[in-house]
Amino acid sequence: MKLRPIVQDLPPVPVRLKLPGELHAALARYAEFYHHEHGAPIEVPALMVEMVRTFLATDRDFRGWERNGHGKAGAADATGETAG
């Protein structure tokens, strides 16, 4: 997966989580790669956002599921619960 330059859209929503040390180290290395490729530095949290965004945008099964009208009834909150 190759990330594209970041484009800001909606304001961020805070999410709190812990990463395994090895994963954080790999993400820090990827941030260095991103800087090398795009000429702009990126922090690990912003990098994670772009990785998740890219993953969701390119998951064909997920996109097909959405196109078939699924996942529209209510937005899930941070706990996975849906409103309504």
PDB file of N, CA and C in Angstrom:
ATOM      1  N   MET A   1       0.857  -1.159   0.000  1.00  0.00           N
ATOM      2  CA  MET A   1       0.000   0.000   0.000  1.00  0.00           C
ATOM      3  C   MET A   1       0.902   1.219   0.000  1.00  0.00           C
ATOM      4  N   LYS A   2       0.677   2.136  -0.942  1.00  0.00           N
ATOM      5  CA  LYS A   2       1.442   3.371  -0.996  1.00  0.00           C
ATOM      6  C   LYS A   2       0.492   4.516  -0.702  1.00  0.00           C
ATOM      7  N   LEU A   3       0.813   5.307   0.310  1.00  0.00           N
ATOM      8  CA  LEU A   3      -0.058   6.412   0.696  1.00  0.00           C
ATOM      9  C   LEU A   3       0.128   7.593  -0.233  1.00  0.00           C
ATOM     10  N   ARG A   4      -0.962   8.308  -0.466  1.00  0.00           N
ATOM     11  CA  ARG A   4      -0.935   9.533  -1.258  1.00  0.00           C
ATOM     12  C   ARG A   4      -0.763  10.716  -0.325  1.00  0.00           C
ATOM     13  N   PRO A   5      -0.440  11.906  -0.867  1.00  0.00           N
ATOM     14  CA  PRO A   5      -0.352  13.087   0.001  1.00  0.00           C
ATOM     15  C   PRO A   5      -1.661  13.316   0.760  1.00  0.00           C
ATOM     16  N   ILE A   6      -1.560  13.842   1.963  1.00  0.00           N
ATOM     17  CA  ILE A   6      -2.706  14.033   2.837  1.00  0.00           C
ATOM     18  C   ILE A   6      -3.548  15.224   2.399  1.00  0.00           C
ATOM     19  N   VAL A   7      -4.851  15.027   2.373  1.00  0.00           N
ATOM     20  CA  VAL A   7      -5.807  16.095   2.114  1.00  0.00           C
ATOM     21  C   VAL A   7      -6.731  16.163   3.324  1.00  0.00           C
ATOM     22  N   GLN A   8      -6.796  17.317   3.983  1.00  0.00           N
ATOM     23  CA  GLN A   8      -7.649  17.484   5.162  1.00  0.00           C
ATOM     24  C   GLN A   8      -9.104  17.645   4.734  1.00  0.00           C
ATOM     25  N   ASP A   9     -10.030  17.024   5.468  1.00  0.00           N
ATOM     26  CA  ASP A   9     -11.449  17.166   5.168  1.00  0.00           C
ATOM     27  C   ASP A   9     -12.208  17.563   6.433  1.00  0.00           C
ATOM     28  N   LEU A  10     -12.712  16.647   7.198  1.00  0.00           N
ATOM     29  CA  LEU A  10     -13.467  16.944   8.412  1.00  0.00           C
ATOM     30  C   LEU A  10     -12.540  17.000   9.624  1.00  0.00           C
ATOM     31  N   PRO A  11     -12.970  17.687  10.681  1.00  0.00           N
ATOM     32  CA  PRO A  11     -12.125  17.732  11.878  1.00  0.00           C
ATOM     33  C   PRO A  11     -11.965  16.337  12.495  1.00  0.00           C
ATOM     34  N   PRO A  12     -10.826  16.082  13.107  1.00  0.00           N
ATOM     35  CA  PRO A  12     -10.581  14.758  13.676  1.00  0.00           C
ATOM     36  C   PRO A  12     -11.406  14.482  14.930  1.00  0.00           C
ATOM     37  N   VAL A  13     -11.595  13.212  15.211  1.00  0.00           N
ATOM     38  CA  VAL A  13     -12.268  12.738  16.417  1.00  0.00           C
ATOM     39  C   VAL A  13     -11.213  12.024  17.251  1.00  0.00           C
ATOM     40  N   PRO A  14     -11.051  12.387  18.515  1.00  0.00           N
ATOM     41  CA  PRO A  14     -10.012  11.740  19.323  1.00  0.00           C
ATOM     42  C   PRO A  14     -10.305  10.257  19.552  1.00  0.00           C
ATOM     43  N   VAL A  15      -9.253   9.454  19.428  1.00  0.00           N
ATOM     44  CA  VAL A  15      -9.317   8.020  19.695  1.00  0.00           C
ATOM     45  C   VAL A  15      -8.081   7.690  20.522  1.00  0.00           C
ATOM     46  N   ARG A  16      -8.273   6.909  21.561  1.00  0.00           N
ATOM     47  CA  ARG A  16      -7.156   6.554  22.435  1.00  0.00           C
ATOM     48  C   ARG A  16      -6.928   5.054  22.356  1.00  0.00           C
ATOM     49  N   LEU A  17      -5.662   4.662  22.104  1.00  0.00           N
ATOM     50  CA  LEU A  17      -5.323   3.249  22.055  1.00  0.00           C
ATOM     51  C   LEU A  17      -3.849   3.061  22.352  1.00  0.00           C
ATOM     52  N   LYS A  18      -3.478   1.827  22.647  1.00  0.00           N
ATOM     53  CA  LYS A  18      -2.074   1.469  22.868  1.00  0.00           C
ATOM     54  C   LYS A  18      -1.627   0.577  21.724  1.00  0.00           C
ATOM     55  N   LEU A  19      -0.420   0.831  21.226  1.00  0.00           N
ATOM     56  CA  LEU A  19       0.156   0.021  20.159  1.00  0.00           C
ATOM     57  C   LEU A  19       1.281  -0.842  20.715  1.00  0.00           C
ATOM     58  N   PRO A  20       1.443  -2.040  20.185  1.00  0.00           N
ATOM     59  CA  PRO A  20       2.632  -2.804  20.541  1.00  0.00           C
ATOM     60  C   PRO A  20       3.875  -2.012  20.103  1.00  0.00           C
ATOM     61  N   GLY A  21       4.949  -2.095  20.878  1.00  0.00           N
ATOM     62  CA  GLY A  21       6.164  -1.349  20.577  1.00  0.00           C
ATOM     63  C   GLY A  21       6.707  -1.612  19.185  1.00  0.00           C
ATOM     64  N   GLU A  22       6.647  -2.870  18.751  1.00  0.00           N
ATOM     65  CA  GLU A  22       7.160  -3.227  17.426  1.00  0.00           C
ATOM     66  C   GLU A  22       6.358  -2.542  16.325  1.00  0.00           C
ATOM     67  N   LEU A  23       5.045  -2.454  16.518  1.00  0.00           N
ATOM     68  CA  LEU A  23       4.199  -1.798  15.523  1.00  0.00           C
ATOM     69  C   LEU A  23       4.494  -0.302  15.471  1.00  0.00           C
ATOM     70  N   HIS A  24       4.650   0.320  16.639  1.00  0.00           N
ATOM     71  CA  HIS A  24       4.966   1.746  16.658  1.00  0.00           C
ATOM     72  C   HIS A  24       6.307   2.011  15.973  1.00  0.00           C
ATOM     73  N   ALA A  25       7.292   1.154  16.224  1.00  0.00           N
ATOM     74  CA  ALA A  25       8.599   1.314  15.584  1.00  0.00           C
ATOM     75  C   ALA A  25       8.477   1.198  14.062  1.00  0.00           C
ATOM     76  N   ALA A  26       7.681   0.246  13.600  1.00  0.00           N
ATOM     77  CA  ALA A  26       7.472   0.082  12.149  1.00  0.00           C
ATOM     78  C   ALA A  26       6.765   1.305  11.569  1.00  0.00           C
ATOM     79  N   LEU A  27       5.789   1.839  12.296  1.00  0.00           N
ATOM     80  CA  LEU A  27       5.093   3.034  11.822  1.00  0.00           C
ATOM     81  C   LEU A  27       6.035   4.240  11.782  1.00  0.00           C
ATOM     82  N   ALA A  28       6.931   4.342  12.747  1.00  0.00           N
ATOM     83  CA  ALA A  28       7.913   5.435  12.745  1.00  0.00           C
ATOM     84  C   ALA A  28       8.828   5.318  11.523  1.00  0.00           C
ATOM     85  N   ARG A  29       9.220   4.092  11.180  1.00  0.00           N
ATOM     86  CA  ARG A  29      10.031   3.891   9.972  1.00  0.00           C
ATOM     87  C   ARG A  29       9.236   4.254   8.731  1.00  0.00           C
ATOM     88  N   TYR A  30       7.943   3.900   8.713  1.00  0.00           N
ATOM     89  CA  TYR A  30       7.106   4.240   7.563  1.00  0.00           C
ATOM     90  C   TYR A  30       6.954   5.751   7.447  1.00  0.00           C
ATOM     91  N   ALA A  31       6.881   6.448   8.575  1.00  0.00           N
ATOM     92  CA  ALA A  31       6.802   7.911   8.551  1.00  0.00           C
ATOM     93  C   ALA A  31       8.060   8.488   7.899  1.00  0.00           C
ATOM     94  N   GLU A  32       9.216   7.891   8.175  1.00  0.00           N
ATOM     95  CA  GLU A  32      10.449   8.315   7.507  1.00  0.00           C
ATOM     96  C   GLU A  32      10.352   8.078   6.002  1.00  0.00           C
ATOM     97  N   PHE A  33       9.820   6.927   5.613  1.00  0.00           N
ATOM     98  CA  PHE A  33       9.624   6.604   4.194  1.00  0.00           C
ATOM     99  C   PHE A  33       8.688   7.616   3.544  1.00  0.00           C
ATOM    100  N   TYR A  34       7.588   7.937   4.213  1.00  0.00           N
ATOM    101  CA  TYR A  34       6.624   8.914   3.699  1.00  0.00           C
ATOM    102  C   TYR A  34       7.324  10.252   3.465  1.00  0.00           C
ATOM    103  N   HIS A  35       8.121  10.685   4.440  1.00  0.00           N
ATOM    104  CA  HIS A  35       8.852  11.947   4.312  1.00  0.00           C
ATOM    105  C   HIS A  35       9.780  11.898   3.102  1.00  0.00           C
ATOM    106  N   HIS A  36      10.473  10.793   2.921  1.00  0.00           N
ATOM    107  CA  HIS A  36      11.368  10.622   1.780  1.00  0.00           C
ATOM    108  C   HIS A  36      10.593  10.683   0.460  1.00  0.00           C
ATOM    109  N   GLU A  37       9.450  10.018   0.403  1.00  0.00           N
ATOM    110  CA  GLU A  37       8.665   9.942  -0.832  1.00  0.00           C
ATOM    111  C   GLU A  37       7.951  11.253  -1.182  1.00  0.00           C
ATOM    112  N   HIS A  38       7.430  11.946  -0.169  1.00  0.00           N
ATOM    113  CA  HIS A  38       6.592  13.123  -0.410  1.00  0.00           C
ATOM    114  C   HIS A  38       7.253  14.443  -0.044  1.00  0.00           C
ATOM    115  N   GLY A  39       8.403  14.384   0.612  1.00  0.00           N
ATOM    116  CA  GLY A  39       9.105  15.596   0.979  1.00  0.00           C
ATOM    117  C   GLY A  39       8.469  16.376   2.114  1.00  0.00           C
ATOM    118  N   ALA A  40       7.539  15.756   2.819  1.00  0.00           N
ATOM    119  CA  ALA A  40       6.858  16.409   3.937  1.00  0.00           C
ATOM    120  C   ALA A  40       6.865  15.457   5.126  1.00  0.00           C
ATOM    121  N   PRO A  41       7.243  15.951   6.312  1.00  0.00           N
ATOM    122  CA  PRO A  41       7.218  15.075   7.482  1.00  0.00           C
ATOM    123  C   PRO A  41       5.788  14.739   7.890  1.00  0.00           C
ATOM    124  N   ILE A  42       5.634  13.608   8.562  1.00  0.00           N
ATOM    125  CA  ILE A  42       4.329  13.186   9.065  1.00  0.00           C
ATOM    126  C   ILE A  42       4.538  12.515  10.417  1.00  0.00           C
ATOM    127  N   GLU A  43       3.664  12.809  11.355  1.00  0.00           N
ATOM    128  CA  GLU A  43       3.706  12.176  12.671  1.00  0.00           C
ATOM    129  C   GLU A  43       2.973  10.842  12.595  1.00  0.00           C
ATOM    130  N   VAL A  44       3.331   9.925  13.482  1.00  0.00           N
ATOM    131  CA  VAL A  44       2.737   8.580  13.477  1.00  0.00           C
ATOM    132  C   VAL A  44       1.209   8.613  13.568  1.00  0.00           C
ATOM    133  N   PRO A  45       0.578   9.406  14.462  1.00  0.00           N
ATOM    134  CA  PRO A  45      -0.888   9.407  14.495  1.00  0.00           C
ATOM    135  C   PRO A  45      -1.526   9.817  13.166  1.00  0.00           C
ATOM    136  N   ALA A  46      -0.980  10.830  12.517  1.00  0.00           N
ATOM    137  CA  ALA A  46      -1.517  11.249  11.213  1.00  0.00           C
ATOM    138  C   ALA A  46      -1.293  10.166  10.169  1.00  0.00           C
ATOM    139  N   LEU A  47      -0.157   9.493  10.241  1.00  0.00           N
ATOM    140  CA  LEU A  47       0.133   8.397   9.334  1.00  0.00           C
ATOM    141  C   LEU A  47      -0.883   7.274   9.509  1.00  0.00           C
ATOM    142  N   MET A  48      -1.206   6.949  10.759  1.00  0.00           N
ATOM    143  CA  MET A  48      -2.179   5.896  11.034  1.00  0.00           C
ATOM    144  C   MET A  48      -3.538   6.242  10.436  1.00  0.00           C
ATOM    145  N   VAL A  49      -3.932   7.500  10.550  1.00  0.00           N
ATOM    146  CA  VAL A  49      -5.211   7.944   9.972  1.00  0.00           C
ATOM    147  C   VAL A  49      -5.210   7.704   8.467  1.00  0.00           C
ATOM    148  N   GLU A  50      -4.135   8.086   7.809  1.00  0.00           N
ATOM    149  CA  GLU A  50      -4.079   7.907   6.353  1.00  0.00           C
ATOM    150  C   GLU A  50      -4.044   6.448   5.957  1.00  0.00           C
ATOM    151  N   MET A  51      -3.392   5.614   6.753  1.00  0.00           N
ATOM    152  CA  MET A  51      -3.364   4.180   6.455  1.00  0.00           C
ATOM    153  C   MET A  51      -4.762   3.573   6.570  1.00  0.00           C
ATOM    154  N   VAL A  52      -5.483   3.934   7.623  1.00  0.00           N
ATOM    155  CA  VAL A  52      -6.844   3.415   7.795  1.00  0.00           C
ATOM    156  C   VAL A  52      -7.739   3.940   6.672  1.00  0.00           C
ATOM    157  N   ARG A  53      -7.618   5.230   6.344  1.00  0.00           N
ATOM    158  CA  ARG A  53      -8.410   5.817   5.260  1.00  0.00           C
ATOM    159  C   ARG A  53      -8.151   5.091   3.941  1.00  0.00           C
ATOM    160  N   THR A  54      -6.883   4.826   3.642  1.00  0.00           N
ATOM    161  CA  THR A  54      -6.523   4.132   2.407  1.00  0.00           C
ATOM    162  C   THR A  54      -7.048   2.705   2.418  1.00  0.00           C
ATOM    163  N   PHE A  55      -6.926   2.037   3.555  1.00  0.00           N
ATOM    164  CA  PHE A  55      -7.425   0.674   3.676  1.00  0.00           C
ATOM    165  C   PHE A  55      -8.928   0.610   3.399  1.00  0.00           C
ATOM    166  N   LEU A  56      -9.694   1.508   4.032  1.00  0.00           N
ATOM    167  CA  LEU A  56     -11.143   1.512   3.838  1.00  0.00           C
ATOM    168  C   LEU A  56     -11.516   1.845   2.402  1.00  0.00           C
ATOM    169  N   ALA A  57     -10.795   2.764   1.793  1.00  0.00           N
ATOM    170  CA  ALA A  57     -11.103   3.184   0.427  1.00  0.00           C
ATOM    171  C   ALA A  57     -10.784   2.100  -0.599  1.00  0.00           C
ATOM    172  N   THR A  58      -9.883   1.192  -0.267  1.00  0.00           N
ATOM    173  CA  THR A  58      -9.467   0.187  -1.248  1.00  0.00           C
ATOM    174  C   THR A  58      -9.951  -1.226  -0.934  1.00  0.00           C
ATOM    175  N   ASP A  59     -10.672  -1.419   0.157  1.00  0.00           N
ATOM    176  CA  ASP A  59     -11.204  -2.745   0.491  1.00  0.00           C
ATOM    177  C   ASP A  59     -12.443  -2.987  -0.372  1.00  0.00           C
ATOM    178  N   ARG A  60     -12.295  -3.782  -1.389  1.00  0.00           N
ATOM    179  CA  ARG A  60     -13.377  -4.003  -2.360  1.00  0.00           C
ATOM    180  C   ARG A  60     -14.621  -4.626  -1.732  1.00  0.00           C
ATOM    181  N   ASP A  61     -14.416  -5.573  -0.833  1.00  0.00           N
ATOM    182  CA  ASP A  61     -15.575  -6.202  -0.194  1.00  0.00           C
ATOM    183  C   ASP A  61     -16.347  -5.183   0.639  1.00  0.00           C
ATOM    184  N   PHE A  62     -15.629  -4.360   1.396  1.00  0.00           N
ATOM    185  CA  PHE A  62     -16.274  -3.331   2.212  1.00  0.00           C
ATOM    186  C   PHE A  62     -17.002  -2.327   1.330  1.00  0.00           C
ATOM    187  N   ARG A  63     -16.355  -1.870   0.275  1.00  0.00           N
ATOM    188  CA  ARG A  63     -16.989  -0.885  -0.618  1.00  0.00           C
ATOM    189  C   ARG A  63     -18.247  -1.474  -1.264  1.00  0.00           C
ATOM    190  N   GLY A  64     -18.195  -2.730  -1.667  1.00  0.00           N
ATOM    191  CA  GLY A  64     -19.372  -3.389  -2.232  1.00  0.00           C
ATOM    192  C   GLY A  64     -20.491  -3.513  -1.218  1.00  0.00           C
ATOM    193  N   TRP A  65     -20.137  -3.831   0.007  1.00  0.00           N
ATOM    194  CA  TRP A  65     -21.113  -3.940   1.091  1.00  0.00           C
ATOM    195  C   TRP A  65     -21.800  -2.605   1.296  1.00  0.00           C
ATOM    196  N   GLU A  66     -21.019  -1.516   1.300  1.00  0.00           N
ATOM    197  CA  GLU A  66     -21.603  -0.172   1.440  1.00  0.00           C
ATOM    198  C   GLU A  66     -22.513   0.168   0.259  1.00  0.00           C
ATOM    199  N   ARG A  67     -22.068  -0.153  -0.956  1.00  0.00           N
ATOM    200  CA  ARG A  67     -22.873   0.147  -2.151  1.00  0.00           C
ATOM    201  C   ARG A  67     -24.216  -0.577  -2.119  1.00  0.00           C
ATOM    202  N   ASN A  68     -24.262  -1.718  -1.456  1.00  0.00           N
ATOM    203  CA  ASN A  68     -25.499  -2.483  -1.356  1.00  0.00           C
ATOM    204  C   ASN A  68     -26.399  -1.997  -0.231  1.00  0.00           C
ATOM    205  N   GLY A  69     -26.096  -0.802   0.317  1.00  0.00           N
ATOM    206  CA  GLY A  69     -26.971  -0.183   1.302  1.00  0.00           C
ATOM    207  C   GLY A  69     -26.718  -0.577   2.738  1.00  0.00           C
ATOM    208  N   HIS A  70     -25.672  -1.321   3.016  1.00  0.00           N
ATOM    209  CA  HIS A  70     -25.369  -1.712   4.389  1.00  0.00           C
ATOM    210  C   HIS A  70     -24.616  -0.601   5.098  1.00  0.00           C
ATOM    211  N   GLY A  71     -24.697  -0.590   6.424  1.00  0.00           N
ATOM    212  CA  GLY A  71     -23.942   0.358   7.218  1.00  0.00           C
ATOM    213  C   GLY A  71     -24.475   1.777   7.185  1.00  0.00           C
ATOM    214  N   LYS A  72     -25.706   1.972   6.740  1.00  0.00           N
ATOM    215  CA  LYS A  72     -26.260   3.316   6.620  1.00  0.00           C
ATOM    216  C   LYS A  72     -27.247   3.641   7.741  1.00  0.00           C
ATOM    217  N   ALA A  73     -27.690   2.652   8.498  1.00  0.00           N
ATOM    218  CA  ALA A  73     -28.761   2.866   9.493  1.00  0.00           C
ATOM    219  C   ALA A  73     -28.347   3.786  10.623  1.00  0.00           C
ATOM    220  N   GLY A  74     -27.113   3.682  11.088  1.00  0.00           N
ATOM    221  CA  GLY A  74     -26.646   4.532  12.189  1.00  0.00           C
ATOM    222  C   GLY A  74     -25.154   4.492  12.259  1.00  0.00           C
ATOM    223  N   ALA A  75     -24.562   5.604  12.610  1.00  0.00           N
ATOM    224  CA  ALA A  75     -23.108   5.657  12.726  1.00  0.00           C
ATOM    225  C   ALA A  75     -22.682   5.047  14.046  1.00  0.00           C
ATOM    226  N   ALA A  76     -21.650   4.237  14.023  1.00  0.00           N
ATOM    227  CA  ALA A  76     -21.135   3.622  15.251  1.00  0.00           C
ATOM    228  C   ALA A  76     -20.309   4.633  16.026  1.00  0.00           C
ATOM    229  N   ASP A  77     -20.458   4.614  17.361  1.00  0.00           N
ATOM    230  CA  ASP A  77     -19.623   5.488  18.181  1.00  0.00           C
ATOM    231  C   ASP A  77     -18.322   4.765  18.524  1.00  0.00           C
ATOM    232  N   ALA A  78     -17.524   5.335  19.398  1.00  0.00           N
ATOM    233  CA  ALA A  78     -16.214   4.781  19.727  1.00  0.00           C
ATOM    234  C   ALA A  78     -16.289   3.389  20.332  1.00  0.00           C
ATOM    235  N   THR A  79     -17.435   3.014  20.923  1.00  0.00           N
ATOM    236  CA  THR A  79     -17.573   1.697  21.539  1.00  0.00           C
ATOM    237  C   THR A  79     -18.114   0.671  20.559  1.00  0.00           C
ATOM    238  N   GLY A  80     -18.463   1.121  19.349  1.00  0.00           N
ATOM    239  CA  GLY A  80     -19.042   0.218  18.367  1.00  0.00           C
ATOM    240  C   GLY A  80     -20.546   0.184  18.413  1.00  0.00           C
ATOM    241  N   GLU A  81     -21.147   0.919  19.362  1.00  0.00           N
ATOM    242  CA  GLU A  81     -22.611   0.976  19.476  1.00  0.00           C
ATOM    243  C   GLU A  81     -23.169   1.918  18.415  1.00  0.00           C
ATOM    244  N   THR A  82     -24.338   1.599  17.888  1.00  0.00           N
ATOM    245  CA  THR A  82     -24.945   2.487  16.905  1.00  0.00           C
ATOM    246  C   THR A  82     -26.005   3.343  17.558  1.00  0.00           C
ATOM    247  N   ALA A  83     -26.174   4.531  17.011  1.00  0.00           N
ATOM    248  CA  ALA A  83     -27.179   5.458  17.538  1.00  0.00           C
ATOM    249  C   ALA A  83     -28.558   5.037  17.039  1.00  0.00           C
ATOM    250  N   GLY A  84     -29.551   5.261  17.855  1.00  0.00           N
ATOM    251  CA  GLY A  84     -30.919   5.020  17.407  1.00  0.00           C
ATOM    252  C   GLY A  84     -31.461   3.831  17.997  1.00  0.00           C
TER     253      GLY A  84
END
